[in-house]
Amino acid sequence: MAKKAAKNDIPILKEQIKENRLKNLYLFYGEEEYLKEHYINKITELIPDAGLPEINRIVINGQADYSDYDDAWEGMPMMTDRRLLVIRDSNIFTIKKSKDITPPTEEQRKFWTEKFKRISDDTVIIFCEKNVDARGALYKSAAKLGFAVEFKYLSVADLKSWVIKKTLKAGKKIDDNTAEYLISVIDKGLNNLERELDKLLNYSDDVIYKTDVDRVASKSTEIVIFEITDGINAGDADKVFKILNDLRTQNVSAFGTLYLIYANVSKMLQLKLAGAANAAEAAKALGTTSWLAGNYLRGASGFSTEALTHMVKRVPEIDYEIKQGKIGEREALEQYIFEALEFKKNYH
């Protein structure tokens, strides 16, 4: 059976780099871009370019002409014993066509199947991909012949440890609760977390407080959606429509906003039906941070089960109406908000 990425792949990769026992073929994939680039850099450090990067370190970004792939694959190192080839976002490990993804044709799959069988010992090849389907033949072939590593978003515990260590290294302090709050209110990914933490380190004094995060950090749209549901909960139409106008100014689509509200109220309904009594139970049920789960739990407590059920059921109905051309996205969103405000008033 073909090898699949396992939980211990990253420690194995670290050991390979530490001992300079590199494979000739790597497939890095998954949602955590920061870690993918981190390990590409670590491998790059082990492969000197001998002052000839155009020959010994080749990078292909995005889907390329197959003659370019062929030339890069068949090249040889010069003035050094190894060279590096990095191929980013080729999409060759996908099997389904979508708006942004074009999988390889049968002829192209044959091209890569042959290439994987002919990897020179003097070349280290890294595929760095956003889109991968582990059911595909090319994935299985690459994982069997080389080493496939999936880079998932880090756990909350690991992220907190990362934030605290980086803050201490900068000569400042942040406590566990504030670190978790920061992680919870910004967009996912270490790249984004590093950017927001750097802003805080430049802004704060010796200690980073929650108030610093509120003043400086760019909060995720998910957190802004909480403010919408809070406004619906409070019956504050002015607040809700002010936020909607702000999102519109930021070019956040009405359709996307509708589905983010749907995701929020779905989780609130889930907690309501599960009878979650505290943030820890809510976090376990939703698989998120205790701070974020506490927000869902607090929101759920302000709505009746009937109101949440109505808000959840209406979105697929409105989605159908939009797709049928019966209503525009912006009008549909505003109609949904008016309905939710009215339903909340009648069903405490």
Protein backbone atom coordinates (compact mmCIF):
# COMPACT_ATOMS: atom_id res chain seq x y z
CA MET A 1 0.00 0.00 0.00
CA ALA A 2 1.30 3.48 -0.90
CA LYS A 3 2.66 5.60 1.88
CA LYS A 4 0.46 8.43 3.15
CA ALA A 5 1.48 11.42 5.20
CA ALA A 6 1.42 10.50 8.87
CA LYS A 7 1.50 12.45 12.10
CA ASN A 8 5.20 11.75 12.58
CA ASP A 9 6.27 12.95 9.12
CA ILE A 10 7.58 16.33 10.32
CA PRO A 11 9.86 14.88 13.04
CA ILE A 12 11.24 12.47 10.42
CA LEU A 13 11.80 15.38 8.05
CA LYS A 14 13.60 17.31 10.80
CA GLU A 15 15.87 14.32 11.39
CA GLN A 16 16.66 14.01 7.67
CA ILE A 17 17.64 17.69 7.55
CA LYS A 18 19.63 17.53 10.78
CA GLU A 19 21.65 14.56 9.53
CA ASN A 20 21.78 15.84 5.92
CA ARG A 21 20.17 12.63 4.67
CA LEU A 22 17.88 14.23 2.13
CA LYS A 23 15.53 12.32 -0.13
CA ASN A 24 15.67 13.08 -3.83
CA LEU A 25 11.95 13.83 -4.00
CA TYR A 26 9.70 15.69 -1.55
CA LEU A 27 6.05 16.61 -1.72
CA PHE A 28 5.09 19.36 0.73
CA TYR A 29 1.40 20.17 0.90
CA GLY A 30 -1.30 21.40 3.26
CA GLU A 31 -2.70 24.65 4.63
CA GLU A 32 0.26 25.93 6.67
CA GLU A 33 2.31 27.89 4.14
CA TYR A 34 4.77 29.19 6.74
CA LEU A 35 6.02 25.71 7.63
CA LYS A 36 6.27 24.59 4.01
CA GLU A 37 8.52 27.55 3.21
CA HIS A 38 10.45 27.08 6.46
CA TYR A 39 11.48 23.53 5.53
CA ILE A 40 12.20 24.47 1.92
CA ASN A 41 14.63 27.07 3.30
CA LYS A 42 16.19 24.50 5.63
CA ILE A 43 16.78 22.12 2.73
CA THR A 44 18.08 24.97 0.55
CA GLU A 45 20.73 25.75 3.20
CA LEU A 46 22.10 22.22 2.75
CA ILE A 47 22.54 22.60 -1.01
CA PRO A 48 25.21 25.21 -1.92
CA ASP A 49 24.61 26.94 -5.24
CA ALA A 50 28.37 27.38 -5.92
CA GLY A 51 27.66 30.91 -7.12
CA LEU A 52 25.48 29.54 -9.94
CA PRO A 53 21.89 29.72 -8.62
CA GLU A 54 20.44 29.83 -12.15
CA ILE A 55 21.78 26.28 -12.63
CA ASN A 56 21.93 24.77 -9.15
CA ARG A 57 18.75 26.23 -7.65
CA ILE A 58 15.83 26.28 -10.04
CA VAL A 59 12.36 27.44 -8.99
CA ILE A 60 9.23 27.05 -11.11
CA ASN A 61 6.16 28.89 -9.80
CA GLY A 62 2.72 27.89 -11.04
CA GLN A 63 1.80 25.64 -13.92
CA ALA A 64 4.54 25.80 -16.56
CA ASP A 65 5.15 24.66 -20.08
CA TYR A 66 6.12 20.98 -20.06
CA SER A 67 9.33 21.72 -21.96
CA ASP A 68 10.36 23.86 -18.96
CA TYR A 69 9.59 21.01 -16.57
CA ASP A 70 11.58 18.64 -18.79
CA ASP A 71 14.62 20.92 -19.00
CA ALA A 72 14.61 21.58 -15.25
CA TRP A 73 14.24 17.88 -14.42
CA GLU A 74 16.99 16.69 -16.75
CA GLY A 75 19.56 19.34 -15.76
CA MET A 76 22.79 18.61 -13.88
CA PRO A 77 24.60 20.46 -11.06
CA MET A 78 27.62 22.55 -11.87
CA MET A 79 30.60 23.07 -9.55
CA THR A 80 28.76 21.25 -6.73
CA ASP A 81 27.58 17.72 -6.02
CA ARG A 82 23.86 18.49 -5.72
CA ARG A 83 21.31 20.90 -7.12
CA LEU A 84 17.81 21.89 -5.99
CA LEU A 85 14.60 22.05 -8.03
CA VAL A 86 11.52 23.59 -6.38
CA ILE A 87 8.18 23.35 -8.18
CA ARG A 88 5.34 25.35 -6.63
CA ASP A 89 1.60 25.04 -7.27
CA SER A 90 1.85 22.78 -10.29
CA ASN A 91 -1.53 21.16 -9.44
CA ILE A 92 -0.28 17.85 -10.86
CA PHE A 93 -1.43 16.02 -7.72
CA THR A 94 -5.10 16.96 -8.24
CA ILE A 95 -7.72 14.80 -9.93
CA LYS A 96 -10.79 17.05 -10.13
CA LYS A 97 -11.20 20.16 -12.24
CA SER A 98 -12.54 23.29 -10.55
CA LYS A 99 -12.55 27.03 -11.14
CA ASP A 100 -8.93 27.42 -10.02
CA ILE A 101 -7.57 23.93 -10.64
CA THR A 102 -6.74 22.13 -13.87
CA PRO A 103 -5.56 18.57 -13.21
CA PRO A 104 -2.98 17.01 -15.54
CA THR A 105 -4.17 15.28 -18.71
CA GLU A 106 -3.57 11.59 -19.29
CA GLU A 107 -0.51 12.46 -21.39
CA GLN A 108 0.82 14.75 -18.65
CA ARG A 109 0.27 12.07 -15.99
CA LYS A 110 2.36 9.70 -18.11
CA PHE A 111 5.06 12.39 -18.34
CA TRP A 112 5.25 12.70 -14.56
CA THR A 113 5.05 8.95 -13.97
CA GLU A 114 8.14 8.53 -16.13
CA LYS A 115 9.91 11.48 -14.50
CA PHE A 116 9.35 10.07 -11.00
CA LYS A 117 11.05 6.86 -12.12
CA ARG A 118 14.08 8.82 -13.33
CA ILE A 119 15.24 11.06 -10.50
CA SER A 120 18.97 11.73 -10.52
CA ASP A 121 20.91 11.20 -7.30
CA ASP A 122 22.48 14.63 -7.74
CA THR A 123 19.12 16.47 -7.61
CA VAL A 124 16.74 17.22 -4.73
CA ILE A 125 13.24 18.00 -6.01
CA ILE A 126 10.57 19.63 -3.86
CA PHE A 127 6.96 19.99 -4.91
CA CYS A 128 5.26 22.65 -2.77
CA GLU A 129 1.51 22.40 -3.38
CA LYS A 130 -1.70 23.94 -2.10
CA ASN A 131 -3.95 21.43 -3.85
CA VAL A 132 -3.34 17.73 -3.43
CA ASP A 133 -5.60 14.68 -3.61
CA ALA A 134 -4.06 11.72 -1.82
CA ARG A 135 -6.25 9.35 -3.85
CA GLY A 136 -4.46 10.24 -7.08
CA ALA A 137 -1.92 7.94 -8.74
CA LEU A 138 0.73 10.68 -8.97
CA TYR A 139 0.45 11.45 -5.25
CA LYS A 140 0.85 7.77 -4.41
CA SER A 141 3.79 7.44 -6.74
CA ALA A 142 5.57 10.53 -5.33
CA ALA A 143 4.89 9.47 -1.75
CA LYS A 144 6.25 5.96 -2.43
CA LEU A 145 9.36 7.05 -4.30
CA GLY A 146 10.08 10.11 -2.14
CA PHE A 147 8.66 11.67 1.00
CA ALA A 148 5.26 13.38 1.33
CA VAL A 149 4.58 15.72 4.25
CA GLU A 150 1.26 17.35 5.05
CA PHE A 151 1.60 20.66 6.89
CA LYS A 152 -1.58 21.30 8.84
CA TYR A 153 -2.35 24.35 10.93
CA LEU A 154 -0.67 23.98 14.32
CA SER A 155 -2.70 23.21 17.44
CA VAL A 156 -3.65 26.05 19.78
CA ALA A 157 -1.13 24.76 22.34
CA ASP A 158 1.69 24.83 19.76
CA LEU A 159 0.66 28.27 18.52
CA LYS A 160 0.61 29.68 22.07
CA SER A 161 4.06 28.24 22.70
CA TRP A 162 5.28 29.82 19.43
CA VAL A 163 3.82 33.24 20.35
CA ILE A 164 5.23 33.19 23.87
CA LYS A 165 8.73 32.13 22.72
CA LYS A 166 8.84 34.77 19.98
CA THR A 167 7.64 37.44 22.42
CA LEU A 168 10.25 36.47 25.02
CA LYS A 169 12.95 36.49 22.32
CA ALA A 170 11.94 40.09 21.59
CA GLY A 171 12.45 40.95 25.29
CA LYS A 172 8.74 41.25 26.08
CA LYS A 173 6.01 39.22 27.77
CA ILE A 174 2.57 37.89 26.91
CA ASP A 175 0.48 35.60 29.13
CA ASP A 176 -1.32 32.42 28.01
CA ASN A 177 -4.77 34.00 27.89
CA THR A 178 -3.66 36.95 25.77
CA ALA A 179 -1.72 34.66 23.41
CA GLU A 180 -4.81 32.49 22.96
CA TYR A 181 -6.97 35.58 22.44
CA LEU A 182 -4.62 36.80 19.70
CA ILE A 183 -4.68 33.39 17.99
CA SER A 184 -8.48 33.29 18.17
CA VAL A 185 -9.28 36.70 16.69
CA ILE A 186 -7.00 36.76 13.62
CA ASP A 187 -6.96 34.75 10.39
CA LYS A 188 -5.36 31.32 10.55
CA GLY A 189 -1.79 30.55 9.54
CA LEU A 190 1.64 31.24 10.98
CA ASN A 191 2.39 33.83 8.29
CA ASN A 192 -0.53 35.92 9.47
CA LEU A 193 0.20 35.28 13.14
CA GLU A 194 3.82 36.40 12.70
CA ARG A 195 2.70 39.57 10.93
CA GLU A 196 0.16 40.46 13.65
CA LEU A 197 2.55 39.60 16.48
CA ASP A 198 5.26 41.79 14.93
CA LYS A 199 2.78 44.67 14.88
CA LEU A 200 2.05 44.09 18.57
CA LEU A 201 5.75 43.86 19.47
CA ASN A 202 6.37 47.18 17.77
CA TYR A 203 3.34 48.79 19.41
CA SER A 204 3.38 47.48 22.98
CA ASP A 205 5.57 48.27 25.96
CA ASP A 206 7.18 45.47 27.98
CA VAL A 207 3.95 43.43 28.22
CA ILE A 208 1.36 42.70 25.52
CA TYR A 209 -2.18 42.99 26.87
CA LYS A 210 -5.58 42.06 25.43
CA THR A 211 -6.30 45.76 24.95
CA ASP A 212 -3.19 45.97 22.72
CA VAL A 213 -4.56 43.15 20.57
CA ASP A 214 -7.91 44.96 20.25
CA ARG A 215 -6.19 48.18 19.21
CA VAL A 216 -3.59 46.78 16.81
CA ALA A 217 -4.48 43.35 15.45
CA SER A 218 -6.46 42.95 12.22
CA LYS A 219 -9.33 40.71 13.23
CA SER A 220 -10.60 37.95 10.98
CA THR A 221 -13.90 38.23 9.16
CA GLU A 222 -15.12 35.34 11.32
CA ILE A 223 -14.76 37.54 14.41
CA VAL A 224 -16.53 40.43 12.68
CA ILE A 225 -19.42 38.05 11.97
CA PHE A 226 -19.75 37.53 15.74
CA GLU A 227 -20.47 41.24 15.97
CA ILE A 228 -23.27 40.79 13.41
CA THR A 229 -24.88 37.95 15.35
CA ASP A 230 -24.41 39.93 18.57
CA GLY A 231 -26.24 42.81 16.89
CA ILE A 232 -29.08 40.51 15.82
CA ASN A 233 -29.20 39.11 19.34
CA ALA A 234 -29.49 42.63 20.77
CA GLY A 235 -32.02 43.68 18.12
CA ASP A 236 -29.62 46.44 17.04
CA ALA A 237 -30.30 46.86 13.31
CA ASP A 238 -28.14 49.99 13.07
CA LYS A 239 -25.08 48.13 14.38
CA VAL A 240 -25.64 45.19 12.05
CA PHE A 241 -26.04 47.27 8.90
CA LYS A 242 -23.05 49.45 9.78
CA ILE A 243 -20.91 46.30 9.93
CA LEU A 244 -22.39 45.06 6.64
CA ASN A 245 -21.53 48.36 4.99
CA ASP A 246 -17.98 48.16 6.35
CA LEU A 247 -17.60 44.64 4.91
CA ARG A 248 -18.96 45.85 1.60
CA THR A 249 -16.36 48.65 1.57
CA GLN A 250 -13.69 45.98 2.15
CA ASN A 251 -15.03 44.07 -0.88
CA VAL A 252 -16.26 41.13 1.22
CA SER A 253 -19.00 39.55 -0.89
CA ALA A 254 -22.59 39.52 0.33
CA PHE A 255 -22.78 35.81 -0.50
CA GLY A 256 -19.64 35.09 1.52
CA THR A 257 -20.98 37.11 4.46
CA LEU A 258 -24.26 35.19 4.35
CA TYR A 259 -22.43 31.88 4.59
CA LEU A 260 -20.15 33.08 7.38
CA ILE A 261 -23.26 34.01 9.38
CA TYR A 262 -24.65 30.58 8.51
CA ALA A 263 -21.48 28.92 9.82
CA ASN A 264 -21.69 30.90 13.06
CA VAL A 265 -25.33 30.18 13.81
CA SER A 266 -24.88 26.52 12.83
CA LYS A 267 -22.21 26.17 15.52
CA MET A 268 -24.41 28.00 18.02
CA LEU A 269 -27.27 25.62 17.24
CA GLN A 270 -24.90 22.65 17.56
CA LEU A 271 -23.93 23.78 21.07
CA LYS A 272 -27.56 24.48 21.97
CA LEU A 273 -28.66 21.00 20.94
CA ALA A 274 -25.61 19.38 22.59
CA GLY A 275 -26.34 21.16 25.87
CA ALA A 276 -22.76 22.41 26.25
CA ALA A 277 -22.52 23.98 29.70
CA ASN A 278 -19.15 25.73 29.57
CA ALA A 279 -16.38 26.88 27.25
CA ALA A 280 -14.36 23.68 27.73
CA GLU A 281 -17.30 21.50 26.64
CA ALA A 282 -17.99 23.85 23.74
CA ALA A 283 -14.34 23.78 22.64
CA LYS A 284 -14.36 19.98 22.65
CA ALA A 285 -17.60 19.86 20.65
CA LEU A 286 -16.42 22.35 18.03
CA GLY A 287 -12.70 21.55 17.98
CA THR A 288 -11.66 25.16 18.44
CA THR A 289 -10.04 27.39 21.08
CA SER A 290 -11.79 27.83 24.42
CA TRP A 291 -12.00 31.58 23.81
CA LEU A 292 -13.68 31.16 20.43
CA ALA A 293 -15.92 28.37 21.73
CA GLY A 294 -16.92 30.63 24.62
CA ASN A 295 -18.05 33.21 22.07
CA TYR A 296 -20.22 30.65 20.30
CA LEU A 297 -21.63 29.51 23.63
CA ARG A 298 -22.38 33.06 24.72
CA GLY A 299 -24.05 33.75 21.40
CA ALA A 300 -26.12 30.57 21.61
CA SER A 301 -27.40 31.54 25.07
CA GLY A 302 -28.97 34.71 23.63
CA PHE A 303 -31.01 32.87 20.99
CA SER A 304 -33.85 30.41 21.32
CA THR A 305 -33.50 27.04 19.58
CA GLU A 306 -36.36 28.11 17.28
CA ALA A 307 -34.57 31.31 16.22
CA LEU A 308 -31.27 29.53 15.52
CA THR A 309 -33.06 26.74 13.63
CA HIS A 310 -34.83 29.30 11.47
CA MET A 311 -31.57 31.18 10.76
CA VAL A 312 -29.84 27.94 9.75
CA LYS A 313 -32.67 26.63 7.55
CA ARG A 314 -33.19 29.91 5.70
CA VAL A 315 -29.69 30.11 4.20
CA PRO A 316 -29.99 27.10 1.83
CA GLU A 317 -33.43 28.41 0.79
CA ILE A 318 -32.02 31.86 0.04
CA ASP A 319 -29.06 30.28 -1.73
CA TYR A 320 -31.49 28.51 -4.06
CA GLU A 321 -33.37 31.77 -4.70
CA ILE A 322 -30.09 33.53 -5.60
CA LYS A 323 -29.07 30.75 -7.99
CA GLN A 324 -32.52 30.86 -9.62
CA GLY A 325 -32.03 34.57 -10.25
CA LYS A 326 -35.03 35.51 -8.12
CA ILE A 327 -33.01 37.83 -5.89
CA GLY A 328 -29.58 39.49 -5.88
CA GLU A 329 -26.90 38.59 -3.34
CA ARG A 330 -26.90 41.96 -1.54
CA GLU A 331 -30.70 42.11 -1.37
CA ALA A 332 -30.81 38.49 -0.17
CA LEU A 333 -28.37 39.22 2.65
CA GLU A 334 -30.31 42.27 3.80
CA GLN A 335 -33.58 40.34 3.64
CA TYR A 336 -32.03 37.57 5.73
CA ILE A 337 -30.89 40.07 8.37
CA PHE A 338 -34.34 41.70 8.57
CA GLU A 339 -35.94 38.26 8.94
CA ALA A 340 -33.45 37.24 11.65
CA LEU A 341 -34.04 40.45 13.60
CA GLU A 342 -37.80 39.97 13.42
CA PHE A 343 -37.62 36.27 14.30
CA LYS A 344 -35.31 36.97 17.24
CA LYS A 345 -37.77 39.55 18.56
CA ASN A 346 -40.68 37.09 18.41
CA TYR A 347 -38.75 34.04 19.65
CA HIS A 348 -36.62 35.04 22.60
